[in-house]
PDB file of N, CA and C in Angstrom:
ATOM      1  N   MET A   1     126.170  80.812  60.101  1.00  0.00           N
ATOM      2  CA  MET A   1     124.922  80.125  59.838  1.00  0.00           C
ATOM      3  C   MET A   1     125.157  78.803  59.116  1.00  0.00           C
ATOM      4  N   ILE A   2     126.088  78.778  58.159  1.00  0.00           N
ATOM      5  CA  ILE A   2     126.258  77.541  57.401  1.00  0.00           C
ATOM      6  C   ILE A   2     127.149  76.529  58.110  1.00  0.00           C
ATOM      7  N   ASN A   3     127.927  76.976  59.093  1.00  0.00           N
ATOM      8  CA  ASN A   3     128.867  76.064  59.759  1.00  0.00           C
ATOM      9  C   ASN A   3     128.172  74.857  60.373  1.00  0.00           C
ATOM     10  N   LYS A   4     127.007  75.036  60.946  1.00  0.00           N
ATOM     11  CA  LYS A   4     126.326  73.905  61.580  1.00  0.00           C
ATOM     12  C   LYS A   4     125.750  72.926  60.553  1.00  0.00           C
ATOM     13  N   HIS A   5     125.687  73.326  59.280  1.00  0.00           N
ATOM     14  CA  HIS A   5     125.159  72.462  58.230  1.00  0.00           C
ATOM     15  C   HIS A   5     126.249  71.682  57.504  1.00  0.00           C
ATOM     16  N   ILE A   6     127.506  72.053  57.724  1.00  0.00           N
ATOM     17  CA  ILE A   6     128.612  71.361  57.058  1.00  0.00           C
ATOM     18  C   ILE A   6     128.976  70.122  57.862  1.00  0.00           C
ATOM     19  N   LYS A   7     128.927  68.962  57.204  1.00  0.00           N
ATOM     20  CA  LYS A   7     129.274  67.689  57.839  1.00  0.00           C
ATOM     21  C   LYS A   7     130.242  66.952  56.926  1.00  0.00           C
ATOM     22  N   ASN A   8     131.423  66.622  57.455  1.00  0.00           N
ATOM     23  CA  ASN A   8     132.444  65.911  56.674  1.00  0.00           C
ATOM     24  C   ASN A   8     132.767  66.640  55.371  1.00  0.00           C
ATOM     25  N   SER A   9     132.902  67.940  55.441  1.00  0.00           N
ATOM     26  CA  SER A   9     133.196  68.800  54.286  1.00  0.00           C
ATOM     27  C   SER A   9     132.087  68.806  53.247  1.00  0.00           C
ATOM     28  N   LEU A  10     130.891  68.371  53.602  1.00  0.00           N
ATOM     29  CA  LEU A  10     129.758  68.355  52.678  1.00  0.00           C
ATOM     30  C   LEU A  10     128.646  69.281  53.181  1.00  0.00           C
ATOM     31  N   LEU A  11     127.990  69.903  52.257  1.00  0.00           N
ATOM     32  CA  LEU A  11     126.903  70.822  52.576  1.00  0.00           C
ATOM     33  C   LEU A  11     125.728  70.513  51.654  1.00  0.00           C
ATOM     34  N   ARG A  12     124.574  70.258  52.244  1.00  0.00           N
ATOM     35  CA  ARG A  12     123.355  69.995  51.460  1.00  0.00           C
ATOM     36  C   ARG A  12     122.536  71.279  51.388  1.00  0.00           C
ATOM     37  N   ILE A  13     122.149  71.628  50.165  1.00  0.00           N
ATOM     38  CA  ILE A  13     121.330  72.819  49.965  1.00  0.00           C
ATOM     39  C   ILE A  13     120.236  72.519  48.946  1.00  0.00           C
ATOM     40  N   LYS A  14     119.221  73.343  48.967  1.00  0.00           N
ATOM     41  CA  LYS A  14     118.181  73.325  47.936  1.00  0.00           C
ATOM     42  C   LYS A  14     118.306  74.654  47.203  1.00  0.00           C
ATOM     43  N   VAL A  15     118.389  74.581  45.896  1.00  0.00           N
ATOM     44  CA  VAL A  15     118.572  75.780  45.081  1.00  0.00           C
ATOM     45  C   VAL A  15     117.250  76.141  44.421  1.00  0.00           C
ATOM     46  N   ILE A  16     116.892  77.415  44.522  1.00  0.00           N
ATOM     47  CA  ILE A  16     115.687  77.924  43.887  1.00  0.00           C
ATOM     48  C   ILE A  16     116.126  78.981  42.869  1.00  0.00           C
ATOM     49  N   PRO A  17     116.167  78.607  41.579  1.00  0.00           N
ATOM     50  CA  PRO A  17     116.580  79.570  40.549  1.00  0.00           C
ATOM     51  C   PRO A  17     115.460  80.548  40.208  1.00  0.00           C
ATOM     52  N   ASN A  18     115.807  81.572  39.439  1.00  0.00           N
ATOM     53  CA  ASN A  18     114.861  82.608  38.987  1.00  0.00           C
ATOM     54  C   ASN A  18     114.238  83.377  40.142  1.00  0.00           C
ATOM     55  N   ALA A  19     114.956  83.536  41.232  1.00  0.00           N
ATOM     56  CA  ALA A  19     114.448  84.307  42.373  1.00  0.00           C
ATOM     57  C   ALA A  19     114.645  85.799  42.104  1.00  0.00           C
ATOM     58  N   SER A  20     113.964  86.622  42.863  1.00  0.00           N
ATOM     59  CA  SER A  20     114.090  88.065  42.669  1.00  0.00           C
ATOM     60  C   SER A  20     115.448  88.587  43.135  1.00  0.00           C
ATOM     61  N   ARG A  21     116.059  87.885  44.098  1.00  0.00           N
ATOM     62  CA  ARG A  21     117.412  88.256  44.541  1.00  0.00           C
ATOM     63  C   ARG A  21     118.152  87.006  45.004  1.00  0.00           C
ATOM     64  N   THR A  22     119.458  87.116  45.027  1.00  0.00           N
ATOM     65  CA  THR A  22     120.291  85.997  45.445  1.00  0.00           C
ATOM     66  C   THR A  22     120.521  86.101  46.943  1.00  0.00           C
ATOM     67  N   GLU A  23     120.104  85.064  47.674  1.00  0.00           N
ATOM     68  CA  GLU A  23     120.306  85.044  49.126  1.00  0.00           C
ATOM     69  C   GLU A  23     120.189  83.622  49.650  1.00  0.00           C
ATOM     70  N   LEU A  24     120.857  83.381  50.778  1.00  0.00           N
ATOM     71  CA  LEU A  24     120.828  82.084  51.445  1.00  0.00           C
ATOM     72  C   LEU A  24     119.964  82.219  52.690  1.00  0.00           C
ATOM     73  N   LYS A  25     118.999  81.302  52.840  1.00  0.00           N
ATOM     74  CA  LYS A  25     118.108  81.329  54.005  1.00  0.00           C
ATOM     75  C   LYS A  25     118.065  79.954  54.640  1.00  0.00           C
ATOM     76  N   GLU A  26     117.852  79.948  55.947  1.00  0.00           N
ATOM     77  CA  GLU A  26     117.619  78.698  56.651  1.00  0.00           C
ATOM     78  C   GLU A  26     116.109  78.561  56.829  1.00  0.00           C
ATOM     79  N   VAL A  27     115.548  77.491  56.270  1.00  0.00           N
ATOM     80  CA  VAL A  27     114.104  77.265  56.318  1.00  0.00           C
ATOM     81  C   VAL A  27     113.865  75.874  56.882  1.00  0.00           C
ATOM     82  N   ASN A  28     113.188  75.813  58.029  1.00  0.00           N
ATOM     83  CA  ASN A  28     112.876  74.538  58.686  1.00  0.00           C
ATOM     84  C   ASN A  28     114.111  73.656  58.883  1.00  0.00           C
ATOM     85  N   GLY A  29     115.213  74.270  59.264  1.00  0.00           N
ATOM     86  CA  GLY A  29     116.428  73.518  59.569  1.00  0.00           C
ATOM     87  C   GLY A  29     117.269  73.138  58.367  1.00  0.00           C
ATOM     88  N   SER A  30     116.873  73.533  57.165  1.00  0.00           N
ATOM     89  CA  SER A  30     117.694  73.247  55.990  1.00  0.00           C
ATOM     90  C   SER A  30     117.998  74.552  55.254  1.00  0.00           C
ATOM     91  N   LEU A  31     119.034  74.509  54.429  1.00  0.00           N
ATOM     92  CA  LEU A  31     119.450  75.715  53.717  1.00  0.00           C
ATOM     93  C   LEU A  31     118.822  75.774  52.333  1.00  0.00           C
ATOM     94  N   LYS A  32     118.329  76.964  51.994  1.00  0.00           N
ATOM     95  CA  LYS A  32     117.808  77.212  50.655  1.00  0.00           C
ATOM     96  C   LYS A  32     118.570  78.399  50.084  1.00  0.00           C
ATOM     97  N   LEU A  33     119.075  78.208  48.880  1.00  0.00           N
ATOM     98  CA  LEU A  33     119.803  79.265  48.187  1.00  0.00           C
ATOM     99  C   LEU A  33     118.941  79.760  47.037  1.00  0.00           C
ATOM    100  N   TYR A  34     118.467  80.980  47.174  1.00  0.00           N
ATOM    101  CA  TYR A  34     117.669  81.606  46.143  1.00  0.00           C
ATOM    102  C   TYR A  34     118.626  82.318  45.194  1.00  0.00           C
ATOM    103  N   LEU A  35     118.510  82.020  43.900  1.00  0.00           N
ATOM    104  CA  LEU A  35     119.415  82.579  42.896  1.00  0.00           C
ATOM    105  C   LEU A  35     118.639  83.342  41.838  1.00  0.00           C
ATOM    106  N   GLN A  36     119.224  84.442  41.390  1.00  0.00           N
ATOM    107  CA  GLN A  36     118.653  85.159  40.268  1.00  0.00           C
ATOM    108  C   GLN A  36     118.954  84.433  38.958  1.00  0.00           C
ATOM    109  N   ALA A  37     119.958  83.580  38.953  1.00  0.00           N
ATOM    110  CA  ALA A  37     120.374  82.879  37.735  1.00  0.00           C
ATOM    111  C   ALA A  37     119.292  81.917  37.254  1.00  0.00           C
ATOM    112  N   VAL A  38     119.314  81.690  35.961  1.00  0.00           N
ATOM    113  CA  VAL A  38     118.369  80.750  35.360  1.00  0.00           C
ATOM    114  C   VAL A  38     118.997  79.359  35.280  1.00  0.00           C
ATOM    115  N   PRO A  39     118.178  78.324  35.324  1.00  0.00           N
ATOM    116  CA  PRO A  39     118.725  76.962  35.273  1.00  0.00           C
ATOM    117  C   PRO A  39     118.950  76.478  33.841  1.00  0.00           C
ATOM    118  N   GLU A  40     119.716  77.241  33.077  1.00  0.00           N
ATOM    119  CA  GLU A  40     120.008  76.887  31.689  1.00  0.00           C
ATOM    120  C   GLU A  40     121.511  76.840  31.480  1.00  0.00           C
ATOM    121  N   LYS A  41     121.972  75.801  30.821  1.00  0.00           N
ATOM    122  CA  LYS A  41     123.379  75.661  30.433  1.00  0.00           C
ATOM    123  C   LYS A  41     124.331  75.809  31.615  1.00  0.00           C
ATOM    124  N   GLY A  42     123.913  75.348  32.794  1.00  0.00           N
ATOM    125  CA  GLY A  42     124.781  75.363  33.966  1.00  0.00           C
ATOM    126  C   GLY A  42     124.955  76.717  34.636  1.00  0.00           C
ATOM    127  N   LYS A  43     124.165  77.703  34.240  1.00  0.00           N
ATOM    128  CA  LYS A  43     124.309  79.049  34.817  1.00  0.00           C
ATOM    129  C   LYS A  43     124.001  79.068  36.309  1.00  0.00           C
ATOM    130  N   ALA A  44     122.980  78.337  36.723  1.00  0.00           N
ATOM    131  CA  ALA A  44     122.635  78.297  38.147  1.00  0.00           C
ATOM    132  C   ALA A  44     123.735  77.598  38.941  1.00  0.00           C
ATOM    133  N   ASN A  45     124.311  76.528  38.409  1.00  0.00           N
ATOM    134  CA  ASN A  45     125.400  75.830  39.100  1.00  0.00           C
ATOM    135  C   ASN A  45     126.612  76.740  39.255  1.00  0.00           C
ATOM    136  N   GLN A  46     126.941  77.483  38.222  1.00  0.00           N
ATOM    137  CA  GLN A  46     128.055  78.433  38.307  1.00  0.00           C
ATOM    138  C   GLN A  46     127.761  79.513  39.347  1.00  0.00           C
ATOM    139  N   ALA A  47     126.509  79.944  39.414  1.00  0.00           N
ATOM    140  CA  ALA A  47     126.124  80.970  40.386  1.00  0.00           C
ATOM    141  C   ALA A  47     126.246  80.447  41.815  1.00  0.00           C
ATOM    142  N   VAL A  48     125.957  79.162  42.036  1.00  0.00           N
ATOM    143  CA  VAL A  48     126.113  78.558  43.367  1.00  0.00           C
ATOM    144  C   VAL A  48     127.580  78.643  43.800  1.00  0.00           C
ATOM    145  N   ILE A  49     128.469  78.235  42.926  1.00  0.00           N
ATOM    146  CA  ILE A  49     129.907  78.231  43.239  1.00  0.00           C
ATOM    147  C   ILE A  49     130.403  79.649  43.498  1.00  0.00           C
ATOM    148  N   LYS A  50     129.991  80.601  42.659  1.00  0.00           N
ATOM    149  CA  LYS A  50     130.399  81.998  42.829  1.00  0.00           C
ATOM    150  C   LYS A  50     129.850  82.586  44.131  1.00  0.00           C
ATOM    151  N   PHE A  51     128.620  82.231  44.476  1.00  0.00           N
ATOM    152  CA  PHE A  51     127.999  82.754  45.701  1.00  0.00           C
ATOM    153  C   PHE A  51     128.817  82.375  46.931  1.00  0.00           C
ATOM    154  N   PHE A  52     129.169  81.088  47.061  1.00  0.00           N
ATOM    155  CA  PHE A  52     129.907  80.650  48.248  1.00  0.00           C
ATOM    156  C   PHE A  52     131.315  81.220  48.272  1.00  0.00           C
ATOM    157  N   LYS A  53     131.921  81.437  47.121  1.00  0.00           N
ATOM    158  CA  LYS A  53     133.253  82.042  47.072  1.00  0.00           C
ATOM    159  C   LYS A  53     133.184  83.501  47.523  1.00  0.00           C
ATOM    160  N   LYS A  54     132.203  84.224  47.015  1.00  0.00           N
ATOM    161  CA  LYS A  54     132.083  85.656  47.313  1.00  0.00           C
ATOM    162  C   LYS A  54     131.617  85.911  48.749  1.00  0.00           C
ATOM    163  N   GLU A  55     130.558  85.229  49.174  1.00  0.00           N
ATOM    164  CA  GLU A  55     129.937  85.530  50.467  1.00  0.00           C
ATOM    165  C   GLU A  55     130.645  84.885  51.658  1.00  0.00           C
ATOM    166  N   TYR A  56     131.199  83.689  51.466  1.00  0.00           N
ATOM    167  CA  TYR A  56     131.773  82.953  52.595  1.00  0.00           C
ATOM    168  C   TYR A  56     133.242  82.597  52.398  1.00  0.00           C
ATOM    169  N   ASN A  57     133.824  83.030  51.281  1.00  0.00           N
ATOM    170  CA  ASN A  57     135.220  82.722  50.957  1.00  0.00           C
ATOM    171  C   ASN A  57     135.478  81.213  51.016  1.00  0.00           C
ATOM    172  N   LEU A  58     134.520  80.439  50.528  1.00  0.00           N
ATOM    173  CA  LEU A  58     134.631  78.984  50.482  1.00  0.00           C
ATOM    174  C   LEU A  58     134.719  78.534  49.034  1.00  0.00           C
ATOM    175  N   LYS A  59     135.655  77.661  48.769  1.00  0.00           N
ATOM    176  CA  LYS A  59     135.742  77.074  47.443  1.00  0.00           C
ATOM    177  C   LYS A  59     134.973  75.760  47.485  1.00  0.00           C
ATOM    178  N   VAL A  60     133.931  75.666  46.668  1.00  0.00           N
ATOM    179  CA  VAL A  60     133.076  74.481  46.675  1.00  0.00           C
ATOM    180  C   VAL A  60     132.980  73.897  45.271  1.00  0.00           C
ATOM    181  N   GLU A  61     132.629  72.623  45.236  1.00  0.00           N
ATOM    182  CA  GLU A  61     132.294  71.977  43.979  1.00  0.00           C
ATOM    183  C   GLU A  61     130.998  71.218  44.192  1.00  0.00           C
ATOM    184  N   ILE A  62     130.262  71.021  43.126  1.00  0.00           N
ATOM    185  CA  ILE A  62     128.995  70.295  43.218  1.00  0.00           C
ATOM    186  C   ILE A  62     129.310  68.812  43.133  1.00  0.00           C
ATOM    187  N   LYS A  63     129.116  68.133  44.255  1.00  0.00           N
ATOM    188  CA  LYS A  63     129.403  66.698  44.323  1.00  0.00           C
ATOM    189  C   LYS A  63     128.276  65.904  43.688  1.00  0.00           C
ATOM    190  N   SER A  64     127.041  66.282  43.986  1.00  0.00           N
ATOM    191  CA  SER A  64     125.894  65.615  43.356  1.00  0.00           C
ATOM    192  C   SER A  64     124.754  66.618  43.217  1.00  0.00           C
ATOM    193  N   GLY A  65     123.890  66.342  42.262  1.00  0.00           N
ATOM    194  CA  GLY A  65     122.732  67.199  42.051  1.00  0.00           C
ATOM    195  C   GLY A  65     122.929  68.276  41.014  1.00  0.00           C
ATOM    196  N   SER A  66     123.846  68.080  40.084  1.00  0.00           N
ATOM    197  CA  SER A  66     124.089  69.124  39.094  1.00  0.00           C
ATOM    198  C   SER A  66     122.877  69.381  38.203  1.00  0.00           C
ATOM    199  N   LYS A  67     121.986  68.409  38.076  1.00  0.00           N
ATOM    200  CA  LYS A  67     120.755  68.578  37.282  1.00  0.00           C
ATOM    201  C   LYS A  67     119.516  68.664  38.170  1.00  0.00           C
ATOM    202  N   SER A  68     119.721  68.815  39.477  1.00  0.00           N
ATOM    203  CA  SER A  68     118.620  68.819  40.430  1.00  0.00           C
ATOM    204  C   SER A  68     118.661  70.094  41.266  1.00  0.00           C
ATOM    205  N   ARG A  69     117.558  70.411  41.896  1.00  0.00           N
ATOM    206  CA  ARG A  69     117.544  71.549  42.823  1.00  0.00           C
ATOM    207  C   ARG A  69     118.182  71.177  44.160  1.00  0.00           C
ATOM    208  N   ASP A  70     118.146  69.887  44.513  1.00  0.00           N
ATOM    209  CA  ASP A  70     118.791  69.412  45.730  1.00  0.00           C
ATOM    210  C   ASP A  70     120.231  69.081  45.405  1.00  0.00           C
ATOM    211  N   LYS A  71     121.151  69.783  46.050  1.00  0.00           N
ATOM    212  CA  LYS A  71     122.563  69.637  45.725  1.00  0.00           C
ATOM    213  C   LYS A  71     123.374  69.300  46.968  1.00  0.00           C
ATOM    214  N   VAL A  72     124.465  68.591  46.744  1.00  0.00           N
ATOM    215  CA  VAL A  72     125.458  68.350  47.788  1.00  0.00           C
ATOM    216  C   VAL A  72     126.746  69.005  47.318  1.00  0.00           C
ATOM    217  N   LEU A  73     127.240  69.934  48.127  1.00  0.00           N
ATOM    218  CA  LEU A  73     128.468  70.646  47.814  1.00  0.00           C
ATOM    219  C   LEU A  73     129.594  70.110  48.659  1.00  0.00           C
ATOM    220  N   ARG A  74     130.786  70.024  48.069  1.00  0.00           N
ATOM    221  CA  ARG A  74     131.965  69.598  48.810  1.00  0.00           C
ATOM    222  C   ARG A  74     132.918  70.773  48.897  1.00  0.00           C
ATOM    223  N   MET A  75     133.408  71.020  50.125  1.00  0.00           N
ATOM    224  CA  MET A  75     134.387  72.079  50.341  1.00  0.00           C
ATOM    225  C   MET A  75     135.755  71.572  49.861  1.00  0.00           C
ATOM    226  N   ILE A  76     136.430  72.396  49.051  1.00  0.00           N
ATOM    227  CA  ILE A  76     137.760  72.006  48.571  1.00  0.00           C
ATOM    228  C   ILE A  76     138.776  73.075  48.896  1.00  0.00           C
TER     229      ILE A  76
END
């Protein structure tokens, strides 16, 4: 599902913290990552990185959007 969204090793997602469960959904052609983590002290950002490592065995870093819900991830 995420392969078609990766362009030049970059992945754009929208993060929704404080969700009832952690899951990745495709909504209107874009990816939304619902996280149980709270957006305090970088907890949601850490949860994004852990999610992609656990679910897709991808090592990612947040290229932009560390303080925003709209994020660009780079595959490393």
